[in-house]
Amino acid sequence: MGICGSVDRVNSGRLTYTESSPAQQLPAGNTQQHVNSPDQTSGVLAGLSSMSPSRSVSRSSLRQRPLSPSLRAVSEVMQSVRAQYYKAPRLKSSNKKKNTGFEEAVRIHRATAEIARMRQQVDDLEEDVVSAAMDGNAHNCGELATLAVHYLQQDHNQIARLAFFNGTAHTAAIVGPVPGAGTLPADMADWDADIYVCDPWCNIACRANDYPAEFKEKMEKWDRAGKQVWLSRTGFVSPTSDEWISTVLGGEKKAT
């Protein structure tokens, strides 16, 4: 699926790579693109009404229910990480593009070079990966997820981990009763109902059980907007392509 940076010890924030120089790799999920390459919060609410009017629940009362602490935390951190580290004047991501124009190609080129520099700096200087992500000017999903884990732990006192989708295809932050580092069920519908996902790259914060549906809906929105995503060994593809969707959602999931 390509090579991406991963934090193998969250407490130390040390970034490691599974192959050679990051500047030589193509981006898949949280991987960086080669410098010379051209290239909601939600939950399913069910069983809330019955034949008896006295047992029915109004929509207005549902809207007034407070968010769970975990859902509130992933929602707030997702928004703050995007606002502080992702949006303009920063360079956003090298593995997501909104059109095929010249200015966008220049932005992709600059973002690719910046992410390669950030990751090489971590390797060469043994700089803390969180500090590198904070100081950097471009962020793929790995950098954004690392920042999300940091703020979920620091500001919300959550037990947060990085979740890797199909090896290096995609990375997000998760909170909740994850049984330590290791493999999680491939089908997120089988995850504990109290695990939540914070995914700044996709702009998604939701219960993990709902993530596949939220992810597909977001990819459809991106496709309508003309956006493309980078798929290792393939290049930029439609976010609704079967290969991309199955790569992210269909493979094994691991927490670290």
C-alpha atoms as a PDB file:
ATOM      1  CA  MET A   1       0.000   0.000   0.000  1.00  0.00           C
ATOM      2  CA  GLY A   2       3.057   2.281   0.032  1.00  0.00           C
ATOM      3  CA  ILE A   3       5.066   3.593   2.923  1.00  0.00           C
ATOM      4  CA  CYS A   4       3.931   5.910   5.623  1.00  0.00           C
ATOM      5  CA  GLY A   5       5.256   7.244   8.878  1.00  0.00           C
ATOM      6  CA  SER A   6       3.916   5.602  11.992  1.00  0.00           C
ATOM      7  CA  VAL A   7       4.225   6.333  15.676  1.00  0.00           C
ATOM      8  CA  ASP A   8       5.287   3.115  17.321  1.00  0.00           C
ATOM      9  CA  ARG A   9       5.298   4.521  20.825  1.00  0.00           C
ATOM     10  CA  VAL A  10       2.700   7.187  21.468  1.00  0.00           C
ATOM     11  CA  ASN A  11       4.298   8.343  24.703  1.00  0.00           C
ATOM     12  CA  SER A  12       7.643   8.980  23.068  1.00  0.00           C
ATOM     13  CA  GLY A  13       6.151  10.253  19.831  1.00  0.00           C
ATOM     14  CA  ARG A  14       8.919   8.592  17.832  1.00  0.00           C
ATOM     15  CA  LEU A  15       8.252   8.319  14.110  1.00  0.00           C
ATOM     16  CA  THR A  16       9.563   5.332  12.192  1.00  0.00           C
ATOM     17  CA  TYR A  17       9.417   4.244   8.563  1.00  0.00           C
ATOM     18  CA  THR A  18       9.124   0.787   7.117  1.00  0.00           C
ATOM     19  CA  GLU A  19      11.299   1.405   4.069  1.00  0.00           C
ATOM     20  CA  SER A  20      13.977   3.752   2.788  1.00  0.00           C
ATOM     21  CA  SER A  21      14.094   7.535   2.574  1.00  0.00           C
ATOM     22  CA  PRO A  22      10.612   9.089   2.829  1.00  0.00           C
ATOM     23  CA  ALA A  23      11.388  11.366  -0.108  1.00  0.00           C
ATOM     24  CA  GLN A  24      11.493   8.259  -2.307  1.00  0.00           C
ATOM     25  CA  GLN A  25       8.003   7.032  -1.464  1.00  0.00           C
ATOM     26  CA  LEU A  26       4.613   7.669  -3.014  1.00  0.00           C
ATOM     27  CA  PRO A  27       1.709   8.710  -0.781  1.00  0.00           C
ATOM     28  CA  ALA A  28      -0.919   6.246   0.294  1.00  0.00           C
ATOM     29  CA  GLY A  29      -3.137   7.616   3.016  1.00  0.00           C
ATOM     30  CA  ASN A  30      -0.598   9.208   5.310  1.00  0.00           C
ATOM     31  CA  THR A  31       2.373   8.649   3.012  1.00  0.00           C
ATOM     32  CA  GLN A  32       4.100  11.433   1.179  1.00  0.00           C
ATOM     33  CA  GLN A  33       4.039  11.867  -2.576  1.00  0.00           C
ATOM     34  CA  HIS A  34       7.300  11.803  -4.519  1.00  0.00           C
ATOM     35  CA  VAL A  35       8.543  15.366  -4.830  1.00  0.00           C
ATOM     36  CA  ASN A  36       8.848  15.094  -8.608  1.00  0.00           C
ATOM     37  CA  SER A  37       5.510  13.350  -9.186  1.00  0.00           C
ATOM     38  CA  PRO A  38       2.911  15.338 -11.181  1.00  0.00           C
ATOM     39  CA  ASP A  39       0.790  13.776  -9.656  1.00  0.00           C
ATOM     40  CA  GLN A  40     -19.486  14.578  11.342  1.00  0.00           C
ATOM     41  CA  THR A  41     -20.270  13.628  13.973  1.00  0.00           C
ATOM     42  CA  SER A  42     -23.045  11.076  13.622  1.00  0.00           C
ATOM     43  CA  GLY A  43     -24.645   8.081  15.226  1.00  0.00           C
ATOM     44  CA  VAL A  44     -27.355   5.668  14.226  1.00  0.00           C
ATOM     45  CA  LEU A  45     -30.492   6.257  16.285  1.00  0.00           C
ATOM     46  CA  ALA A  46     -32.918   3.401  16.109  1.00  0.00           C
ATOM     47  CA  GLY A  47     -35.842   1.992  18.040  1.00  0.00           C
ATOM     48  CA  LEU A  48     -36.925   5.407  19.264  1.00  0.00           C
ATOM     49  CA  SER A  49     -40.622   5.128  18.558  1.00  0.00           C
ATOM     50  CA  SER A  50     -43.377   2.652  19.120  1.00  0.00           C
ATOM     51  CA  MET A  51     -47.069   2.232  18.433  1.00  0.00           C
ATOM     52  CA  SER A  52     -47.848   3.818  21.793  1.00  0.00           C
ATOM     53  CA  PRO A  53     -47.799   7.656  21.706  1.00  0.00           C
ATOM     54  CA  SER A  54     -46.871   7.748  25.374  1.00  0.00           C
ATOM     55  CA  ARG A  55     -43.585   5.970  24.603  1.00  0.00           C
ATOM     56  CA  SER A  56     -42.601   7.978  21.555  1.00  0.00           C
ATOM     57  CA  VAL A  57     -39.562  10.259  21.575  1.00  0.00           C
ATOM     58  CA  SER A  58     -39.715  13.626  19.833  1.00  0.00           C
ATOM     59  CA  ARG A  59     -37.025  14.770  17.430  1.00  0.00           C
ATOM     60  CA  SER A  60     -36.569  17.975  19.399  1.00  0.00           C
ATOM     61  CA  SER A  61     -35.794  16.081  22.591  1.00  0.00           C
ATOM     62  CA  LEU A  62     -33.221  13.987  20.715  1.00  0.00           C
ATOM     63  CA  ARG A  63     -31.492  17.075  19.389  1.00  0.00           C
ATOM     64  CA  GLN A  64     -31.222  18.454  22.907  1.00  0.00           C
ATOM     65  CA  ARG A  65     -29.445  15.414  24.290  1.00  0.00           C
ATOM     66  CA  PRO A  66     -25.830  16.198  25.188  1.00  0.00           C
ATOM     67  CA  LEU A  67     -22.995  14.494  23.364  1.00  0.00           C
ATOM     68  CA  SER A  68     -21.107  11.788  25.187  1.00  0.00           C
ATOM     69  CA  PRO A  69     -17.739  12.984  26.557  1.00  0.00           C
ATOM     70  CA  SER A  70     -15.855  10.853  24.029  1.00  0.00           C
ATOM     71  CA  LEU A  71     -17.893  12.040  21.054  1.00  0.00           C
ATOM     72  CA  ARG A  72     -17.561  15.637  22.178  1.00  0.00           C
ATOM     73  CA  ALA A  73     -13.794  15.191  22.539  1.00  0.00           C
ATOM     74  CA  VAL A  74     -13.221  13.702  19.075  1.00  0.00           C
ATOM     75  CA  SER A  75     -15.482  16.334  17.508  1.00  0.00           C
ATOM     76  CA  GLU A  76     -13.730  19.262  19.179  1.00  0.00           C
ATOM     77  CA  VAL A  77     -10.235  17.950  18.482  1.00  0.00           C
ATOM     78  CA  MET A  78     -11.056  17.167  14.862  1.00  0.00           C
ATOM     79  CA  GLN A  79     -12.243  20.728  14.316  1.00  0.00           C
ATOM     80  CA  SER A  80      -9.364  22.363  16.184  1.00  0.00           C
ATOM     81  CA  VAL A  81      -6.635  20.313  14.460  1.00  0.00           C
ATOM     82  CA  ARG A  82      -8.071  21.140  11.045  1.00  0.00           C
ATOM     83  CA  ALA A  83      -8.376  24.835  11.866  1.00  0.00           C
ATOM     84  CA  GLN A  84      -4.914  25.167  13.385  1.00  0.00           C
ATOM     85  CA  TYR A  85      -2.798  22.852  11.252  1.00  0.00           C
ATOM     86  CA  TYR A  86      -4.592  21.958   8.036  1.00  0.00           C
ATOM     87  CA  LYS A  87      -6.368  24.923   6.515  1.00  0.00           C
ATOM     88  CA  ALA A  88      -4.846  27.883   4.642  1.00  0.00           C
ATOM     89  CA  PRO A  89      -2.336  29.440   4.765  1.00  0.00           C
ATOM     90  CA  ARG A  90      -0.846  25.981   5.321  1.00  0.00           C
ATOM     91  CA  LEU A  91      -0.340  23.643   2.376  1.00  0.00           C
ATOM     92  CA  LYS A  92      -2.890  21.002   3.424  1.00  0.00           C
ATOM     93  CA  SER A  93      -2.064  17.470   2.157  1.00  0.00           C
ATOM     94  CA  SER A  94       0.049  16.105  -0.667  1.00  0.00           C
ATOM     95  CA  ASN A  95      -2.237  13.108  -1.185  1.00  0.00           C
ATOM     96  CA  LYS A  96      -5.518  14.918  -1.801  1.00  0.00           C
ATOM     97  CA  LYS A  97      -6.186  17.355  -4.630  1.00  0.00           C
ATOM     98  CA  LYS A  98      -9.259  19.390  -5.479  1.00  0.00           C
ATOM     99  CA  ASN A  99      -8.690  19.860  -9.213  1.00  0.00           C
ATOM    100  CA  THR A 100      -6.175  19.379 -12.016  1.00  0.00           C
ATOM    101  CA  GLY A 101      -5.215  23.034 -12.375  1.00  0.00           C
ATOM    102  CA  PHE A 102      -1.698  24.454 -12.361  1.00  0.00           C
ATOM    103  CA  GLU A 103      -2.003  26.192  -8.977  1.00  0.00           C
ATOM    104  CA  GLU A 104      -3.184  22.968  -7.372  1.00  0.00           C
ATOM    105  CA  ALA A 105      -0.280  21.077  -8.945  1.00  0.00           C
ATOM    106  CA  VAL A 106       2.125  23.627  -7.453  1.00  0.00           C
ATOM    107  CA  ARG A 107       0.492  23.254  -4.030  1.00  0.00           C
ATOM    108  CA  ILE A 108       0.780  19.450  -4.236  1.00  0.00           C
ATOM    109  CA  HIS A 109       4.453  19.764  -5.181  1.00  0.00           C
ATOM    110  CA  ARG A 110       5.184  22.104  -2.262  1.00  0.00           C
ATOM    111  CA  ALA A 111       3.211  19.994   0.210  1.00  0.00           C
ATOM    112  CA  THR A 112       5.057  16.863  -0.908  1.00  0.00           C
ATOM    113  CA  ALA A 113       8.438  18.497  -0.385  1.00  0.00           C
ATOM    114  CA  GLU A 114       7.418  19.872   3.016  1.00  0.00           C
ATOM    115  CA  ILE A 115       6.146  16.541   4.340  1.00  0.00           C
ATOM    116  CA  ALA A 116       9.311  14.824   3.128  1.00  0.00           C
ATOM    117  CA  ARG A 117      11.363  17.481   4.940  1.00  0.00           C
ATOM    118  CA  MET A 118       9.369  17.079   8.152  1.00  0.00           C
ATOM    119  CA  ARG A 119       9.733  13.313   8.208  1.00  0.00           C
ATOM    120  CA  GLN A 120      13.405  13.409   7.317  1.00  0.00           C
ATOM    121  CA  GLN A 121      13.938  15.912  10.123  1.00  0.00           C
ATOM    122  CA  VAL A 122      12.384  13.490  12.578  1.00  0.00           C
ATOM    123  CA  ASP A 123      14.686  10.713  11.349  1.00  0.00           C
ATOM    124  CA  ASP A 124      17.859  12.811  11.211  1.00  0.00           C
ATOM    125  CA  LEU A 125      17.439  14.895  14.356  1.00  0.00           C
ATOM    126  CA  GLU A 126      15.273  12.487  16.360  1.00  0.00           C
ATOM    127  CA  GLU A 127      12.830  15.323  16.824  1.00  0.00           C
ATOM    128  CA  ASP A 128       9.579  14.529  18.567  1.00  0.00           C
ATOM    129  CA  VAL A 129       6.990  13.681  15.912  1.00  0.00           C
ATOM    130  CA  VAL A 130       4.353  15.871  17.559  1.00  0.00           C
ATOM    131  CA  SER A 131       6.671  18.879  17.531  1.00  0.00           C
ATOM    132  CA  ALA A 132       7.537  18.231  13.898  1.00  0.00           C
ATOM    133  CA  ALA A 133       3.854  18.080  12.989  1.00  0.00           C
ATOM    134  CA  MET A 134       3.122  21.255  14.933  1.00  0.00           C
ATOM    135  CA  ASP A 135       5.942  23.164  13.262  1.00  0.00           C
ATOM    136  CA  GLY A 136       5.367  21.750   9.783  1.00  0.00           C
ATOM    137  CA  ASN A 137       3.469  23.453   7.005  1.00  0.00           C
ATOM    138  CA  ALA A 138       1.806  20.424   5.369  1.00  0.00           C
ATOM    139  CA  HIS A 139       0.028  17.407   6.826  1.00  0.00           C
ATOM    140  CA  ASN A 140      -1.180  14.093   5.473  1.00  0.00           C
ATOM    141  CA  CYS A 141      -3.469  11.852   7.506  1.00  0.00           C
ATOM    142  CA  GLY A 142      -0.606  10.466   9.615  1.00  0.00           C
ATOM    143  CA  GLU A 143       0.526  13.894  10.800  1.00  0.00           C
ATOM    144  CA  LEU A 144      -3.054  15.008  11.465  1.00  0.00           C
ATOM    145  CA  ALA A 145      -3.870  11.820  13.388  1.00  0.00           C
ATOM    146  CA  THR A 146      -0.706  12.216  15.481  1.00  0.00           C
ATOM    147  CA  LEU A 147      -1.783  15.738  16.432  1.00  0.00           C
ATOM    148  CA  ALA A 148      -5.280  14.483  17.231  1.00  0.00           C
ATOM    149  CA  VAL A 149      -3.904  11.820  19.593  1.00  0.00           C
ATOM    150  CA  HIS A 150      -1.788  14.473  21.313  1.00  0.00           C
ATOM    151  CA  TYR A 151      -4.686  16.852  21.937  1.00  0.00           C
ATOM    152  CA  LEU A 152      -7.133  14.122  22.898  1.00  0.00           C
ATOM    153  CA  GLN A 153      -4.693  13.056  25.596  1.00  0.00           C
ATOM    154  CA  GLN A 154      -3.555  16.514  26.684  1.00  0.00           C
ATOM    155  CA  ASP A 155      -6.768  18.541  26.556  1.00  0.00           C
ATOM    156  CA  HIS A 156      -9.477  15.918  27.034  1.00  0.00           C
ATOM    157  CA  ASN A 157      -7.783  13.287  29.201  1.00  0.00           C
ATOM    158  CA  GLN A 158      -8.773  10.581  26.725  1.00  0.00           C
ATOM    159  CA  ILE A 159      -6.956   7.297  26.200  1.00  0.00           C
ATOM    160  CA  ALA A 160      -6.166   7.883  22.537  1.00  0.00           C
ATOM    161  CA  ARG A 161      -4.312   5.736  20.031  1.00  0.00           C
ATOM    162  CA  LEU A 162      -3.418   5.762  16.375  1.00  0.00           C
ATOM    163  CA  ALA A 163      -5.460   3.400  14.208  1.00  0.00           C
ATOM    164  CA  PHE A 164      -3.889   2.111  10.995  1.00  0.00           C
ATOM    165  CA  PHE A 165      -6.219   1.045   8.205  1.00  0.00           C
ATOM    166  CA  ASN A 166      -4.885  -1.741   5.999  1.00  0.00           C
ATOM    167  CA  GLY A 167      -1.276  -1.229   6.944  1.00  0.00           C
ATOM    168  CA  THR A 168      -0.286   2.152   5.582  1.00  0.00           C
ATOM    169  CA  ALA A 169      -3.418   3.034   3.602  1.00  0.00           C
ATOM    170  CA  HIS A 170      -4.890   5.482   6.107  1.00  0.00           C
ATOM    171  CA  THR A 171      -4.469   6.643   9.704  1.00  0.00           C
ATOM    172  CA  ALA A 172      -6.868   8.158  12.231  1.00  0.00           C
ATOM    173  CA  ALA A 173      -7.036   8.674  15.988  1.00  0.00           C
ATOM    174  CA  ILE A 174      -9.326   6.550  18.153  1.00  0.00           C
ATOM    175  CA  VAL A 175     -10.484   6.735  21.759  1.00  0.00           C
ATOM    176  CA  GLY A 176     -12.331   4.277  23.940  1.00  0.00           C
ATOM    177  CA  PRO A 177     -11.947   0.720  25.216  1.00  0.00           C
ATOM    178  CA  VAL A 178      -9.277  -0.463  22.801  1.00  0.00           C
ATOM    179  CA  PRO A 179      -7.543  -3.535  24.278  1.00  0.00           C
ATOM    180  CA  GLY A 180      -4.037  -2.097  24.030  1.00  0.00           C
ATOM    181  CA  ALA A 181      -1.910  -1.995  20.917  1.00  0.00           C
ATOM    182  CA  GLY A 182      -2.605  -4.677  18.373  1.00  0.00           C
ATOM    183  CA  THR A 183      -5.062  -5.937  15.795  1.00  0.00           C
ATOM    184  CA  LEU A 184      -8.678  -4.821  15.730  1.00  0.00           C
ATOM    185  CA  PRO A 185     -11.532  -6.475  13.805  1.00  0.00           C
ATOM    186  CA  ALA A 186     -11.351  -5.666  10.097  1.00  0.00           C
ATOM    187  CA  ASP A 187     -15.072  -4.874  10.097  1.00  0.00           C
ATOM    188  CA  MET A 188     -15.536  -1.775  12.239  1.00  0.00           C
ATOM    189  CA  ALA A 189     -19.130  -2.822  12.929  1.00  0.00           C
ATOM    190  CA  ASP A 190     -17.551  -5.419  15.230  1.00  0.00           C
ATOM    191  CA  TRP A 191     -15.636  -2.839  17.284  1.00  0.00           C
ATOM    192  CA  ASP A 192     -16.731  -1.946  20.796  1.00  0.00           C
ATOM    193  CA  ALA A 193     -19.647   0.498  20.624  1.00  0.00           C
ATOM    194  CA  ASP A 194     -17.792   2.960  22.869  1.00  0.00           C
ATOM    195  CA  ILE A 195     -14.824   3.438  20.512  1.00  0.00           C
ATOM    196  CA  TYR A 196     -14.848   6.744  18.613  1.00  0.00           C
ATOM    197  CA  VAL A 197     -12.837   7.936  15.617  1.00  0.00           C
ATOM    198  CA  CYS A 198     -11.203  11.339  15.173  1.00  0.00           C
ATOM    199  CA  ASP A 199     -10.147  11.711  11.531  1.00  0.00           C
ATOM    200  CA  PRO A 200      -9.086  15.283  10.674  1.00  0.00           C
ATOM    201  CA  TRP A 201      -7.947  14.305   7.163  1.00  0.00           C
ATOM    202  CA  CYS A 202     -11.459  13.138   6.251  1.00  0.00           C
ATOM    203  CA  ASN A 203     -13.180  15.688   8.484  1.00  0.00           C
ATOM    204  CA  ILE A 204     -14.997  12.893  10.322  1.00  0.00           C
ATOM    205  CA  ALA A 205     -15.649  12.454  14.040  1.00  0.00           C
ATOM    206  CA  CYS A 206     -18.030   9.639  14.917  1.00  0.00           C
ATOM    207  CA  ARG A 207     -18.603   6.319  16.619  1.00  0.00           C
ATOM    208  CA  ALA A 208     -16.271   3.726  15.110  1.00  0.00           C
ATOM    209  CA  ASN A 209     -19.216   1.478  14.225  1.00  0.00           C
ATOM    210  CA  ASP A 210     -20.529   4.287  11.997  1.00  0.00           C
ATOM    211  CA  TYR A 211     -17.192   5.160  10.395  1.00  0.00           C
ATOM    212  CA  PRO A 212     -17.492   3.026   7.218  1.00  0.00           C
ATOM    213  CA  ALA A 213     -20.800   4.675   6.289  1.00  0.00           C
ATOM    214  CA  GLU A 214     -19.463   8.130   7.163  1.00  0.00           C
ATOM    215  CA  PHE A 215     -16.301   7.504   5.147  1.00  0.00           C
ATOM    216  CA  LYS A 216     -18.226   6.389   2.051  1.00  0.00           C
ATOM    217  CA  GLU A 217     -20.542   9.381   2.312  1.00  0.00           C
ATOM    218  CA  LYS A 218     -17.568  11.740   2.559  1.00  0.00           C
ATOM    219  CA  MET A 219     -15.879  10.121  -0.446  1.00  0.00           C
ATOM    220  CA  GLU A 220     -19.069  10.638  -2.473  1.00  0.00           C
ATOM    221  CA  LYS A 221     -19.072  14.303  -1.453  1.00  0.00           C
ATOM    222  CA  TRP A 222     -15.433  14.674  -2.499  1.00  0.00           C
ATOM    223  CA  ASP A 223     -16.160  12.988  -5.810  1.00  0.00           C
ATOM    224  CA  ARG A 224     -19.009  15.410  -6.536  1.00  0.00           C
ATOM    225  CA  ALA A 225     -16.608  18.271  -5.795  1.00  0.00           C
ATOM    226  CA  GLY A 226     -14.053  16.874  -8.256  1.00  0.00           C
ATOM    227  CA  LYS A 227     -11.473  15.903  -5.632  1.00  0.00           C
ATOM    228  CA  GLN A 228      -9.061  12.996  -6.000  1.00  0.00           C
ATOM    229  CA  VAL A 229      -6.992  10.967  -3.539  1.00  0.00           C
ATOM    230  CA  TRP A 230      -3.614   9.317  -3.930  1.00  0.00           C
ATOM    231  CA  LEU A 231      -3.525   5.531  -4.096  1.00  0.00           C
ATOM    232  CA  SER A 232      -0.104   3.921  -3.902  1.00  0.00           C
ATOM    233  CA  ARG A 233       1.094   2.214  -7.091  1.00  0.00           C
ATOM    234  CA  THR A 234      -1.859   3.745  -8.953  1.00  0.00           C
ATOM    235  CA  GLY A 235      -1.747   7.528  -8.601  1.00  0.00           C
ATOM    236  CA  PHE A 236      -4.594   9.952  -8.038  1.00  0.00           C
ATOM    237  CA  VAL A 237      -7.989   8.248  -8.277  1.00  0.00           C
ATOM    238  CA  SER A 238     -11.622   9.054  -7.652  1.00  0.00           C
ATOM    239  CA  PRO A 239     -12.396   8.833  -3.922  1.00  0.00           C
ATOM    240  CA  THR A 240     -15.329   6.578  -4.778  1.00  0.00           C
ATOM    241  CA  SER A 241     -13.236   4.056  -6.706  1.00  0.00           C
ATOM    242  CA  ASP A 242     -13.706   0.496  -5.494  1.00  0.00           C
ATOM    243  CA  GLU A 243      -9.960   0.075  -5.141  1.00  0.00           C
ATOM    244  CA  TRP A 244      -9.613   3.069  -2.821  1.00  0.00           C
ATOM    245  CA  ILE A 245     -12.676   2.258  -0.701  1.00  0.00           C
ATOM    246  CA  SER A 246     -11.707  -1.392  -0.278  1.00  0.00           C
ATOM    247  CA  THR A 247      -8.093  -0.456   0.458  1.00  0.00           C
ATOM    248  CA  VAL A 248      -9.085   1.758   3.376  1.00  0.00           C
ATOM    249  CA  LEU A 249     -12.087  -0.090   4.769  1.00  0.00           C
ATOM    250  CA  GLY A 250     -11.492  -3.679   3.720  1.00  0.00           C
ATOM    251  CA  GLY A 251      -8.110  -4.478   5.220  1.00  0.00           C
ATOM    252  CA  GLU A 252      -6.912  -5.192   8.721  1.00  0.00           C
ATOM    253  CA  LYS A 253      -7.001  -2.515  11.398  1.00  0.00           C
ATOM    254  CA  LYS A 254      -4.315  -2.036  14.032  1.00  0.00           C
ATOM    255  CA  ALA A 255      -3.985   0.250  17.034  1.00  0.00           C
ATOM    256  CA  THR A 256      -0.704   1.496  18.423  1.00  0.00           C
END
